[in-house]
Amino acid sequence: MAYIHSLARILFVLSVVFFSIYFLYSPSNIVNHSTLSSNYIETAIKETRIEIKDNLKQFSFPSSIPGSNIKTKEDLLKFREHMDCITTKGEWVYDDTPRAVLKHKQEPLYGKCDKNSKFLNKNASIEEIWDNSRNSVKYKWKTSHKCPMPSFTREDFCSLITGLKFLLVGDVLSYQLHELLLNYFHDGPVQCYGETACK
């Protein structure tokens, strides 16, 4: 909770500084002000940047990842190196082995891509669904032999997350993960309340 208060304080200070500059100092006023005044503003901005940088250090987690089994700096560096290898040293390969296909259910625009399989019986076999699926879903990410990525089943995934709560915070990648989880666990579109961007 202290982290949230620190971050809120930082954002408030930043807002005050920038709004002060924007509203109090129009371009014509800045020209008429003395060098002393502009130096004062520059100093305030530099001090604010230093304070923000110092406060953000608590969120960088240089020696562990809170809430995980990664407790030492050595483990953290190994984890980051492995994640870098998995995400950057691999390739998409076509794999025509029949397997369950996850349908996009949240956004009707993207759901149109799966229109060929919507006419199938709900009891259709994996092979029937696979044969009626578009080729673009038949690719798999193949990692380098230096950093193999373990495969897991739906049962494995469900056993890992049973009883957990999720908070997804971040950029478009987090939004895509949000969509993926909704597609994975629901039969149709889900309405989220309180967030206009949430489907």
N, C-alpha and C. Protein backbone atom coordinates (compact mmCIF):
# COMPACT_ATOMS: atom_id res chain seq x y z
N MET A 1 0.82 -1.19 0.00
CA MET A 1 0.00 0.00 0.00
C MET A 1 0.87 1.26 0.00
N ALA A 2 2.04 1.15 0.67
CA ALA A 2 2.95 2.30 0.71
C ALA A 2 3.45 2.64 -0.69
N TYR A 3 3.63 1.60 -1.53
CA TYR A 3 4.07 1.84 -2.91
C TYR A 3 3.04 2.67 -3.66
N ILE A 4 1.78 2.35 -3.48
CA ILE A 4 0.71 3.07 -4.18
C ILE A 4 0.68 4.53 -3.73
N HIS A 5 0.85 4.76 -2.41
CA HIS A 5 0.85 6.13 -1.91
C HIS A 5 2.05 6.90 -2.46
N SER A 6 3.21 6.26 -2.52
CA SER A 6 4.40 6.92 -3.07
C SER A 6 4.19 7.26 -4.54
N LEU A 7 3.65 6.32 -5.29
CA LEU A 7 3.41 6.55 -6.72
C LEU A 7 2.37 7.65 -6.92
N ALA A 8 1.32 7.66 -6.09
CA ALA A 8 0.30 8.69 -6.20
C ALA A 8 0.89 10.06 -5.89
N ARG A 9 1.77 10.12 -4.89
CA ARG A 9 2.42 11.38 -4.53
C ARG A 9 3.29 11.89 -5.67
N ILE A 10 4.03 10.98 -6.28
CA ILE A 10 4.89 11.35 -7.40
C ILE A 10 4.05 11.90 -8.55
N LEU A 11 2.98 11.21 -8.89
CA LEU A 11 2.12 11.66 -9.98
C LEU A 11 1.49 13.01 -9.67
N PHE A 12 1.12 13.23 -8.40
CA PHE A 12 0.54 14.50 -8.01
C PHE A 12 1.55 15.63 -8.18
N VAL A 13 2.78 15.41 -7.70
CA VAL A 13 3.83 16.43 -7.82
C VAL A 13 4.09 16.75 -9.29
N LEU A 14 4.18 15.68 -10.11
CA LEU A 14 4.39 15.89 -11.55
C LEU A 14 3.27 16.71 -12.16
N SER A 15 2.04 16.36 -11.81
CA SER A 15 0.88 17.08 -12.36
C SER A 15 0.93 18.55 -11.99
N VAL A 16 1.23 18.84 -10.72
CA VAL A 16 1.29 20.23 -10.27
C VAL A 16 2.36 21.00 -11.04
N VAL A 17 3.53 20.40 -11.19
CA VAL A 17 4.62 21.08 -11.90
C VAL A 17 4.24 21.36 -13.34
N PHE A 18 3.74 20.35 -14.03
CA PHE A 18 3.43 20.54 -15.45
C PHE A 18 2.23 21.46 -15.68
N PHE A 19 1.22 21.35 -14.82
CA PHE A 19 0.08 22.27 -14.97
C PHE A 19 0.49 23.70 -14.65
N SER A 20 1.37 23.85 -13.67
CA SER A 20 1.86 25.20 -13.35
C SER A 20 2.59 25.80 -14.55
N ILE A 21 3.43 25.01 -15.15
CA ILE A 21 4.17 25.49 -16.32
C ILE A 21 3.20 25.82 -17.44
N TYR A 22 2.23 24.95 -17.67
CA TYR A 22 1.32 25.13 -18.79
C TYR A 22 0.40 26.33 -18.60
N PHE A 23 -0.18 26.47 -17.39
CA PHE A 23 -1.18 27.52 -17.20
C PHE A 23 -0.59 28.86 -16.77
N LEU A 24 0.47 28.86 -16.02
CA LEU A 24 1.02 30.11 -15.51
C LEU A 24 2.03 30.77 -16.44
N TYR A 25 2.63 29.95 -17.28
CA TYR A 25 3.69 30.50 -18.12
C TYR A 25 3.37 30.26 -19.59
N SER A 26 2.61 31.15 -20.16
CA SER A 26 2.38 31.05 -21.59
C SER A 26 3.66 31.48 -22.28
N PRO A 27 3.83 31.16 -23.57
CA PRO A 27 5.08 31.54 -24.26
C PRO A 27 5.42 33.01 -24.14
N SER A 28 4.40 33.90 -24.19
CA SER A 28 4.71 35.33 -24.09
C SER A 28 5.20 35.70 -22.70
N ASN A 29 4.65 35.04 -21.67
CA ASN A 29 5.09 35.33 -20.30
C ASN A 29 6.50 34.82 -20.05
N ILE A 30 6.86 33.69 -20.62
CA ILE A 30 8.19 33.13 -20.40
C ILE A 30 9.25 34.07 -20.95
N VAL A 31 8.97 34.69 -22.07
CA VAL A 31 9.92 35.62 -22.67
C VAL A 31 10.13 36.82 -21.75
N ASN A 32 9.07 37.30 -21.07
CA ASN A 32 9.15 38.48 -20.23
C ASN A 32 9.72 38.18 -18.85
N HIS A 33 9.75 36.94 -18.42
CA HIS A 33 10.26 36.61 -17.10
C HIS A 33 11.78 36.63 -17.10
N SER A 34 12.31 36.87 -15.93
CA SER A 34 13.77 36.92 -15.81
C SER A 34 14.36 35.53 -15.88
N THR A 35 15.65 35.46 -16.08
CA THR A 35 16.37 34.20 -16.12
C THR A 35 16.25 33.48 -14.79
N LEU A 36 16.16 34.24 -13.72
CA LEU A 36 16.04 33.67 -12.38
C LEU A 36 14.79 32.80 -12.28
N SER A 37 13.68 33.30 -12.82
CA SER A 37 12.42 32.56 -12.77
C SER A 37 12.51 31.27 -13.58
N SER A 38 13.08 31.33 -14.78
CA SER A 38 13.20 30.13 -15.59
C SER A 38 14.17 29.13 -14.96
N ASN A 39 15.22 29.65 -14.29
CA ASN A 39 16.13 28.76 -13.57
C ASN A 39 15.42 28.06 -12.42
N TYR A 40 14.53 28.80 -11.75
CA TYR A 40 13.76 28.21 -10.65
C TYR A 40 12.90 27.05 -11.17
N ILE A 41 12.26 27.26 -12.30
CA ILE A 41 11.40 26.21 -12.89
C ILE A 41 12.24 25.00 -13.30
N GLU A 42 13.37 25.27 -13.96
CA GLU A 42 14.25 24.16 -14.36
C GLU A 42 14.76 23.38 -13.16
N THR A 43 15.11 24.09 -12.10
CA THR A 43 15.57 23.42 -10.88
C THR A 43 14.46 22.57 -10.27
N ALA A 44 13.24 23.11 -10.24
CA ALA A 44 12.10 22.36 -9.70
C ALA A 44 11.84 21.09 -10.52
N ILE A 45 11.95 21.22 -11.83
CA ILE A 45 11.74 20.05 -12.70
C ILE A 45 12.82 19.01 -12.47
N LYS A 46 14.09 19.44 -12.37
CA LYS A 46 15.18 18.51 -12.13
C LYS A 46 15.01 17.79 -10.79
N GLU A 47 14.64 18.56 -9.75
CA GLU A 47 14.44 17.95 -8.43
C GLU A 47 13.29 16.95 -8.45
N THR A 48 12.25 17.29 -9.17
CA THR A 48 11.10 16.39 -9.28
C THR A 48 11.50 15.11 -10.01
N ARG A 49 12.28 15.26 -11.08
CA ARG A 49 12.74 14.08 -11.82
C ARG A 49 13.60 13.18 -10.93
N ILE A 50 14.47 13.78 -10.14
CA ILE A 50 15.32 13.00 -9.23
C ILE A 50 14.46 12.27 -8.20
N GLU A 51 13.47 12.99 -7.64
CA GLU A 51 12.59 12.35 -6.66
C GLU A 51 11.81 11.19 -7.27
N ILE A 52 11.32 11.39 -8.49
CA ILE A 52 10.58 10.32 -9.17
C ILE A 52 11.50 9.13 -9.43
N LYS A 53 12.69 9.40 -9.93
CA LYS A 53 13.65 8.32 -10.21
C LYS A 53 13.97 7.53 -8.94
N ASP A 54 14.19 8.26 -7.83
CA ASP A 54 14.50 7.59 -6.56
C ASP A 54 13.32 6.75 -6.07
N ASN A 55 12.11 7.29 -6.20
CA ASN A 55 10.93 6.57 -5.74
C ASN A 55 10.59 5.38 -6.62
N LEU A 56 10.90 5.46 -7.91
CA LEU A 56 10.60 4.35 -8.81
C LEU A 56 11.56 3.18 -8.61
N LYS A 57 12.69 3.42 -7.95
CA LYS A 57 13.64 2.33 -7.71
C LYS A 57 12.99 1.19 -6.92
N GLN A 58 12.03 1.55 -6.05
CA GLN A 58 11.38 0.51 -5.25
C GLN A 58 10.52 -0.42 -6.10
N PHE A 59 10.21 -0.02 -7.32
CA PHE A 59 9.41 -0.86 -8.19
C PHE A 59 10.25 -1.66 -9.19
N SER A 60 11.57 -1.49 -9.17
CA SER A 60 12.41 -2.15 -10.18
C SER A 60 12.76 -3.59 -9.80
N PHE A 61 12.64 -3.96 -8.53
CA PHE A 61 12.91 -5.31 -8.06
C PHE A 61 14.25 -5.83 -8.58
N PRO A 62 15.37 -5.23 -8.15
CA PRO A 62 16.67 -5.64 -8.67
C PRO A 62 17.18 -6.98 -8.16
N SER A 63 16.59 -7.51 -7.08
CA SER A 63 17.15 -8.75 -6.53
C SER A 63 16.13 -9.86 -6.31
N SER A 64 14.86 -9.63 -6.60
CA SER A 64 13.85 -10.67 -6.43
C SER A 64 12.57 -10.26 -7.16
N ILE A 65 11.61 -11.17 -7.21
CA ILE A 65 10.29 -10.85 -7.74
C ILE A 65 9.29 -11.17 -6.64
N PRO A 66 8.72 -10.14 -6.01
CA PRO A 66 7.78 -10.37 -4.91
C PRO A 66 6.62 -11.27 -5.35
N GLY A 67 6.22 -12.17 -4.46
CA GLY A 67 5.11 -13.06 -4.75
C GLY A 67 5.50 -14.27 -5.58
N SER A 68 6.79 -14.46 -5.82
CA SER A 68 7.25 -15.61 -6.61
C SER A 68 8.29 -16.39 -5.81
N ASN A 69 8.79 -17.47 -6.41
CA ASN A 69 9.85 -18.25 -5.78
C ASN A 69 11.24 -17.68 -6.05
N ILE A 70 11.30 -16.59 -6.78
CA ILE A 70 12.59 -15.98 -7.13
C ILE A 70 12.96 -15.00 -6.03
N LYS A 71 13.88 -15.44 -5.16
CA LYS A 71 14.21 -14.67 -3.97
C LYS A 71 15.63 -14.09 -3.98
N THR A 72 16.50 -14.58 -4.87
CA THR A 72 17.88 -14.09 -4.90
C THR A 72 18.16 -13.40 -6.22
N LYS A 73 19.18 -12.56 -6.21
CA LYS A 73 19.57 -11.85 -7.44
C LYS A 73 20.03 -12.83 -8.51
N GLU A 74 20.72 -13.89 -8.10
CA GLU A 74 21.19 -14.90 -9.05
C GLU A 74 20.00 -15.57 -9.76
N ASP A 75 18.99 -15.95 -8.98
CA ASP A 75 17.79 -16.56 -9.57
C ASP A 75 17.07 -15.58 -10.49
N LEU A 76 17.05 -14.31 -10.08
CA LEU A 76 16.39 -13.29 -10.90
C LEU A 76 17.09 -13.13 -12.24
N LEU A 77 18.42 -13.07 -12.23
CA LEU A 77 19.17 -12.92 -13.48
C LEU A 77 18.98 -14.13 -14.39
N LYS A 78 18.97 -15.34 -13.81
CA LYS A 78 18.73 -16.55 -14.60
C LYS A 78 17.33 -16.52 -15.22
N PHE A 79 16.35 -16.10 -14.44
CA PHE A 79 14.98 -16.02 -14.93
C PHE A 79 14.86 -15.02 -16.09
N ARG A 80 15.44 -13.84 -15.92
CA ARG A 80 15.37 -12.82 -16.97
C ARG A 80 16.08 -13.29 -18.24
N GLU A 81 17.22 -13.95 -18.07
CA GLU A 81 17.96 -14.47 -19.22
C GLU A 81 17.14 -15.54 -19.94
N HIS A 82 16.50 -16.41 -19.16
CA HIS A 82 15.68 -17.47 -19.76
C HIS A 82 14.47 -16.88 -20.49
N MET A 83 13.80 -15.89 -19.88
CA MET A 83 12.66 -15.25 -20.52
C MET A 83 13.07 -14.53 -21.80
N ASP A 84 14.23 -13.88 -21.76
CA ASP A 84 14.74 -13.21 -22.96
C ASP A 84 14.98 -14.23 -24.06
N CYS A 85 15.55 -15.37 -23.71
CA CYS A 85 15.83 -16.42 -24.69
C CYS A 85 14.52 -16.97 -25.27
N ILE A 86 13.55 -17.24 -24.42
CA ILE A 86 12.27 -17.80 -24.87
C ILE A 86 11.56 -16.84 -25.83
N THR A 87 11.58 -15.55 -25.52
CA THR A 87 10.79 -14.60 -26.29
C THR A 87 11.50 -14.05 -27.52
N THR A 88 12.83 -14.12 -27.57
CA THR A 88 13.53 -13.51 -28.71
C THR A 88 14.28 -14.50 -29.59
N LYS A 89 14.53 -15.68 -29.09
CA LYS A 89 15.31 -16.65 -29.87
C LYS A 89 14.45 -17.86 -30.23
N GLY A 90 13.44 -17.60 -31.00
CA GLY A 90 12.54 -18.66 -31.43
C GLY A 90 11.92 -18.30 -32.76
N GLU A 91 11.00 -19.13 -33.21
CA GLU A 91 10.33 -18.85 -34.48
C GLU A 91 8.96 -19.53 -34.49
N TRP A 92 8.07 -19.00 -35.32
CA TRP A 92 6.76 -19.59 -35.51
C TRP A 92 6.88 -20.68 -36.56
N VAL A 93 6.44 -21.89 -36.22
CA VAL A 93 6.50 -23.00 -37.16
C VAL A 93 5.10 -23.59 -37.33
N TYR A 94 4.82 -23.98 -38.56
CA TYR A 94 3.51 -24.58 -38.85
C TYR A 94 3.48 -26.00 -38.30
N ASP A 95 2.43 -26.32 -37.55
CA ASP A 95 2.28 -27.63 -36.95
C ASP A 95 0.85 -28.10 -37.19
N ASP A 96 0.70 -29.11 -38.06
CA ASP A 96 -0.64 -29.56 -38.45
C ASP A 96 -1.16 -30.69 -37.56
N THR A 97 -0.56 -30.87 -36.40
CA THR A 97 -1.04 -31.89 -35.47
C THR A 97 -2.36 -31.42 -34.86
N PRO A 98 -3.44 -32.20 -35.01
CA PRO A 98 -4.73 -31.76 -34.45
C PRO A 98 -4.65 -31.52 -32.94
N ARG A 99 -5.18 -30.39 -32.52
CA ARG A 99 -5.23 -30.03 -31.10
C ARG A 99 -6.37 -29.05 -30.90
N ALA A 100 -6.73 -28.83 -29.67
CA ALA A 100 -7.82 -27.90 -29.36
C ALA A 100 -7.45 -26.50 -29.85
N VAL A 101 -8.42 -25.82 -30.42
CA VAL A 101 -8.19 -24.47 -30.94
C VAL A 101 -9.02 -23.49 -30.11
N LEU A 102 -8.36 -22.46 -29.62
CA LEU A 102 -9.03 -21.44 -28.83
C LEU A 102 -9.67 -20.43 -29.76
N LYS A 103 -10.98 -20.26 -29.64
CA LYS A 103 -11.71 -19.31 -30.48
C LYS A 103 -11.75 -17.94 -29.83
N HIS A 104 -11.70 -16.91 -30.65
CA HIS A 104 -11.78 -15.54 -30.16
C HIS A 104 -13.25 -15.20 -29.97
N LYS A 105 -13.66 -15.00 -28.71
CA LYS A 105 -15.07 -14.78 -28.41
C LYS A 105 -15.40 -13.36 -27.97
N GLN A 106 -14.39 -12.59 -27.60
CA GLN A 106 -14.66 -11.30 -26.98
C GLN A 106 -14.97 -10.19 -27.96
N GLU A 107 -14.34 -10.17 -29.09
CA GLU A 107 -14.52 -9.09 -30.05
C GLU A 107 -15.13 -9.63 -31.33
N PRO A 108 -16.37 -9.23 -31.66
CA PRO A 108 -17.03 -9.78 -32.85
C PRO A 108 -16.23 -9.60 -34.14
N LEU A 109 -15.51 -8.49 -34.24
CA LEU A 109 -14.73 -8.24 -35.46
C LEU A 109 -13.71 -9.36 -35.68
N TYR A 110 -13.00 -9.75 -34.61
CA TYR A 110 -11.99 -10.79 -34.74
C TYR A 110 -12.61 -12.18 -34.73
N GLY A 111 -13.78 -12.30 -34.11
CA GLY A 111 -14.47 -13.58 -34.08
C GLY A 111 -14.91 -14.03 -35.46
N LYS A 112 -15.04 -13.09 -36.41
CA LYS A 112 -15.44 -13.44 -37.77
C LYS A 112 -14.43 -14.38 -38.43
N CYS A 113 -13.19 -14.32 -37.95
CA CYS A 113 -12.16 -15.17 -38.53
C CYS A 113 -12.46 -16.65 -38.31
N ASP A 114 -13.24 -16.95 -37.28
CA ASP A 114 -13.54 -18.34 -36.95
C ASP A 114 -14.92 -18.77 -37.45
N LYS A 115 -15.47 -18.06 -38.43
CA LYS A 115 -16.83 -18.35 -38.88
C LYS A 115 -16.97 -19.73 -39.50
N ASN A 116 -15.91 -20.30 -40.06
CA ASN A 116 -16.02 -21.63 -40.68
C ASN A 116 -16.37 -22.71 -39.68
N SER A 117 -15.91 -22.55 -38.45
CA SER A 117 -16.13 -23.62 -37.48
C SER A 117 -17.39 -23.41 -36.66
N LYS A 118 -18.08 -22.28 -36.81
CA LYS A 118 -19.26 -22.06 -35.97
C LYS A 118 -20.44 -22.93 -36.38
N PHE A 119 -20.39 -23.51 -37.56
CA PHE A 119 -21.49 -24.37 -38.00
C PHE A 119 -21.31 -25.82 -37.55
N LEU A 120 -20.17 -26.11 -36.91
CA LEU A 120 -19.92 -27.47 -36.44
C LEU A 120 -20.78 -27.79 -35.23
N ASN A 121 -21.07 -29.06 -35.08
CA ASN A 121 -21.79 -29.54 -33.92
C ASN A 121 -20.95 -29.29 -32.67
N LYS A 122 -21.61 -28.98 -31.54
CA LYS A 122 -20.86 -28.74 -30.31
C LYS A 122 -20.10 -29.98 -29.86
N ASN A 123 -20.52 -31.14 -30.30
CA ASN A 123 -19.84 -32.39 -29.94
C ASN A 123 -18.82 -32.81 -30.99
N ALA A 124 -18.44 -31.90 -31.86
CA ALA A 124 -17.47 -32.22 -32.92
C ALA A 124 -16.14 -32.62 -32.29
N SER A 125 -15.47 -33.54 -32.95
CA SER A 125 -14.18 -34.00 -32.44
C SER A 125 -13.11 -32.94 -32.67
N ILE A 126 -12.00 -33.09 -31.97
CA ILE A 126 -10.87 -32.16 -32.14
C ILE A 126 -10.41 -32.17 -33.58
N GLU A 127 -10.42 -33.34 -34.22
CA GLU A 127 -9.99 -33.44 -35.62
C GLU A 127 -10.91 -32.64 -36.54
N GLU A 128 -12.23 -32.73 -36.31
CA GLU A 128 -13.19 -31.98 -37.15
C GLU A 128 -12.99 -30.48 -36.97
N ILE A 129 -12.83 -30.07 -35.74
CA ILE A 129 -12.62 -28.64 -35.47
C ILE A 129 -11.32 -28.18 -36.10
N TRP A 130 -10.29 -29.02 -35.97
CA TRP A 130 -8.97 -28.69 -36.54
C TRP A 130 -9.05 -28.54 -38.05
N ASP A 131 -9.74 -29.46 -38.71
CA ASP A 131 -9.85 -29.41 -40.17
C ASP A 131 -10.59 -28.16 -40.65
N ASN A 132 -11.51 -27.64 -39.83
CA ASN A 132 -12.29 -26.46 -40.21
C ASN A 132 -11.70 -25.16 -39.68
N SER A 133 -10.54 -25.24 -39.05
CA SER A 133 -9.90 -24.03 -38.50
C SER A 133 -9.00 -23.40 -39.55
N ARG A 134 -8.84 -22.10 -39.46
CA ARG A 134 -7.98 -21.38 -40.39
C ARG A 134 -6.52 -21.73 -40.14
N ASN A 135 -5.71 -21.64 -41.16
CA ASN A 135 -4.30 -22.01 -41.05
C ASN A 135 -3.51 -21.14 -40.09
N SER A 136 -3.94 -19.90 -39.91
CA SER A 136 -3.16 -19.00 -39.05
C SER A 136 -3.14 -19.44 -37.59
N VAL A 137 -4.07 -20.31 -37.16
CA VAL A 137 -4.04 -20.78 -35.77
C VAL A 137 -3.26 -22.09 -35.63
N LYS A 138 -2.67 -22.54 -36.71
CA LYS A 138 -1.95 -23.82 -36.70
C LYS A 138 -0.44 -23.65 -36.55
N TYR A 139 -0.04 -22.48 -36.09
CA TYR A 139 1.38 -22.23 -35.85
C TYR A 139 1.68 -22.35 -34.36
N LYS A 140 2.89 -22.77 -34.06
CA LYS A 140 3.34 -22.85 -32.67
C LYS A 140 4.68 -22.14 -32.55
N TRP A 141 4.91 -21.56 -31.38
CA TRP A 141 6.18 -20.90 -31.11
C TRP A 141 7.20 -21.96 -30.72
N LYS A 142 8.26 -22.05 -31.49
CA LYS A 142 9.32 -23.02 -31.21
C LYS A 142 10.53 -22.26 -30.69
N THR A 143 10.93 -22.57 -29.46
CA THR A 143 12.06 -21.87 -28.86
C THR A 143 13.37 -22.53 -29.26
N SER A 144 14.45 -21.83 -28.99
CA SER A 144 15.78 -22.36 -29.25
C SER A 144 16.03 -23.58 -28.36
N HIS A 145 16.92 -24.48 -28.82
CA HIS A 145 17.26 -25.64 -28.00
C HIS A 145 17.99 -25.23 -26.72
N LYS A 146 18.51 -24.00 -26.68
CA LYS A 146 19.21 -23.50 -25.50
C LYS A 146 18.24 -23.17 -24.36
N CYS A 147 17.00 -22.89 -24.72
CA CYS A 147 16.02 -22.53 -23.69
C CYS A 147 14.68 -23.18 -24.01
N PRO A 148 14.57 -24.47 -23.81
CA PRO A 148 13.31 -25.15 -24.12
C PRO A 148 12.18 -24.63 -23.23
N MET A 149 11.01 -24.54 -23.82
CA MET A 149 9.84 -24.08 -23.09
C MET A 149 8.97 -25.29 -22.80
N PRO A 150 8.68 -25.55 -21.54
CA PRO A 150 7.87 -26.73 -21.22
C PRO A 150 6.45 -26.58 -21.76
N SER A 151 5.90 -27.68 -22.23
CA SER A 151 4.51 -27.65 -22.68
C SER A 151 3.62 -28.00 -21.50
N PHE A 152 2.37 -27.60 -21.57
CA PHE A 152 1.44 -27.92 -20.50
C PHE A 152 0.05 -28.11 -21.09
N THR A 153 -0.77 -28.83 -20.38
CA THR A 153 -2.13 -29.11 -20.81
C THR A 153 -3.08 -28.12 -20.13
N ARG A 154 -4.33 -28.14 -20.56
CA ARG A 154 -5.33 -27.30 -19.90
C ARG A 154 -5.46 -27.67 -18.43
N GLU A 155 -5.38 -28.97 -18.16
CA GLU A 155 -5.50 -29.42 -16.77
C GLU A 155 -4.35 -28.87 -15.93
N ASP A 156 -3.12 -28.89 -16.50
CA ASP A 156 -1.97 -28.33 -15.79
C ASP A 156 -2.19 -26.85 -15.48
N PHE A 157 -2.66 -26.12 -16.49
CA PHE A 157 -2.88 -24.69 -16.33
C PHE A 157 -3.92 -24.42 -15.26
N CYS A 158 -5.03 -25.17 -15.33
CA CYS A 158 -6.10 -24.97 -14.34
C CYS A 158 -5.62 -25.29 -12.93
N SER A 159 -4.80 -26.32 -12.78
CA SER A 159 -4.32 -26.67 -11.44
C SER A 159 -3.38 -25.59 -10.90
N LEU A 160 -2.67 -24.90 -11.80
CA LEU A 160 -1.77 -23.83 -11.36
C LEU A 160 -2.52 -22.60 -10.87
N ILE A 161 -3.66 -22.29 -11.49
CA ILE A 161 -4.33 -21.04 -11.17
C ILE A 161 -5.55 -21.21 -10.26
N THR A 162 -5.90 -22.45 -9.93
CA THR A 162 -7.07 -22.67 -9.08
C THR A 162 -6.90 -21.93 -7.75
N GLY A 163 -7.90 -21.15 -7.41
CA GLY A 163 -7.89 -20.43 -6.15
C GLY A 163 -7.15 -19.10 -6.17
N LEU A 164 -6.58 -18.74 -7.31
CA LEU A 164 -5.83 -17.48 -7.39
C LEU A 164 -6.71 -16.36 -7.93
N LYS A 165 -6.31 -15.14 -7.62
CA LYS A 165 -6.96 -13.95 -8.18
C LYS A 165 -5.93 -13.25 -9.06
N PHE A 166 -6.39 -12.64 -10.14
CA PHE A 166 -5.49 -11.99 -11.08
C PHE A 166 -5.73 -10.49 -11.09
N LEU A 167 -4.64 -9.75 -11.20
CA LEU A 167 -4.70 -8.32 -11.46
C LEU A 167 -3.76 -8.07 -12.62
N LEU A 168 -4.31 -7.72 -13.76
CA LEU A 168 -3.50 -7.45 -14.94
C LEU A 168 -3.36 -5.95 -15.10
N VAL A 169 -2.13 -5.47 -15.01
CA VAL A 169 -1.85 -4.05 -15.12
C VAL A 169 -0.79 -3.87 -16.19
N GLY A 170 -1.01 -2.93 -17.09
CA GLY A 170 0.05 -2.70 -18.07
C GLY A 170 -0.46 -2.18 -19.38
N ASP A 171 0.23 -2.59 -20.43
CA ASP A 171 -0.01 -2.05 -21.76
C ASP A 171 -0.87 -3.00 -22.59
N VAL A 172 -0.72 -2.90 -23.88
CA VAL A 172 -1.53 -3.70 -24.80
C VAL A 172 -1.29 -5.20 -24.62
N LEU A 173 -0.10 -5.60 -24.20
CA LEU A 173 0.16 -7.02 -23.96
C LEU A 173 -0.70 -7.55 -22.83
N SER A 174 -0.85 -6.75 -21.79
CA SER A 174 -1.71 -7.16 -20.68
C SER A 174 -3.16 -7.25 -21.14
N TYR A 175 -3.57 -6.32 -22.01
CA TYR A 175 -4.93 -6.37 -22.54
C TYR A 175 -5.12 -7.64 -23.36
N GLN A 176 -4.13 -8.02 -24.15
CA GLN A 176 -4.24 -9.24 -24.94
C GLN A 176 -4.29 -10.46 -24.04
N LEU A 177 -3.54 -10.46 -22.95
CA LEU A 177 -3.60 -11.56 -21.99
C LEU A 177 -4.98 -11.61 -21.34
N HIS A 178 -5.54 -10.45 -21.05
CA HIS A 178 -6.89 -10.36 -20.50
C HIS A 178 -7.89 -11.00 -21.45
N GLU A 179 -7.80 -10.65 -22.73
CA GLU A 179 -8.69 -11.23 -23.74
C GLU A 179 -8.49 -12.74 -23.84
N LEU A 180 -7.25 -13.18 -23.82
CA LEU A 180 -6.95 -14.61 -23.91
C LEU A 180 -7.58 -15.37 -22.75
N LEU A 181 -7.43 -14.85 -21.54
CA LEU A 181 -8.01 -15.52 -20.37
C LEU A 181 -9.53 -15.56 -20.45
N LEU A 182 -10.15 -14.47 -20.92
CA LEU A 182 -11.61 -14.48 -21.08
C LEU A 182 -12.04 -15.50 -22.12
N ASN A 183 -11.30 -15.58 -23.21
CA ASN A 183 -11.62 -16.57 -24.25
C ASN A 183 -11.46 -17.98 -23.70
N TYR A 184 -10.47 -18.16 -22.87
CA TYR A 184 -10.12 -19.49 -22.36
C TYR A 184 -11.18 -20.00 -21.37
N PHE A 185 -11.72 -19.10 -20.55
CA PHE A 185 -12.58 -19.54 -19.46
C PHE A 185 -14.07 -19.29 -19.66
N HIS A 186 -14.46 -18.63 -20.75
CA HIS A 186 -15.87 -18.33 -20.96
C HIS A 186 -16.35 -18.87 -22.30
N ASP A 187 -17.66 -19.12 -22.36
CA ASP A 187 -18.25 -19.65 -23.59
C ASP A 187 -18.60 -18.56 -24.59
N GLY A 188 -18.68 -17.32 -24.14
CA GLY A 188 -19.05 -16.23 -25.04
C GLY A 188 -18.49 -14.92 -24.54
N PRO A 189 -18.90 -13.80 -25.16
CA PRO A 189 -18.39 -12.49 -24.75
C PRO A 189 -18.72 -12.20 -23.29
N VAL A 190 -17.82 -11.50 -22.63
CA VAL A 190 -17.99 -11.15 -21.22
C VAL A 190 -18.08 -9.64 -21.11
N GLN A 191 -19.06 -9.15 -20.36
CA GLN A 191 -19.19 -7.72 -20.13
C GLN A 191 -18.52 -7.36 -18.82
N CYS A 192 -17.53 -6.48 -18.87
CA CYS A 192 -16.87 -6.01 -17.65
C CYS A 192 -17.48 -4.66 -17.30
N TYR A 193 -17.71 -4.43 -16.04
CA TYR A 193 -18.35 -3.19 -15.62
C TYR A 193 -17.35 -2.20 -15.07
N GLY A 194 -17.56 -0.93 -15.35
CA GLY A 194 -16.72 0.12 -14.80
C GLY A 194 -15.55 0.50 -15.67
N GLU A 195 -15.31 -0.20 -16.75
CA GLU A 195 -14.18 0.11 -17.63
C GLU A 195 -14.68 0.13 -19.06
N THR A 196 -14.61 1.29 -19.68
CA THR A 196 -15.18 1.43 -21.03
C THR A 196 -14.41 0.65 -22.08
N ALA A 197 -13.11 0.45 -21.85
CA ALA A 197 -12.31 -0.28 -22.83
C ALA A 197 -12.42 -1.79 -22.65
N CYS A 198 -13.04 -2.20 -21.56
CA CYS A 198 -13.14 -3.62 -21.25
C CYS A 198 -14.32 -4.22 -22.00
N LYS A 199 -14.12 -5.37 -22.63
CA LYS A 199 -15.19 -6.00 -23.40
C LYS A 199 -15.98 -6.94 -22.51
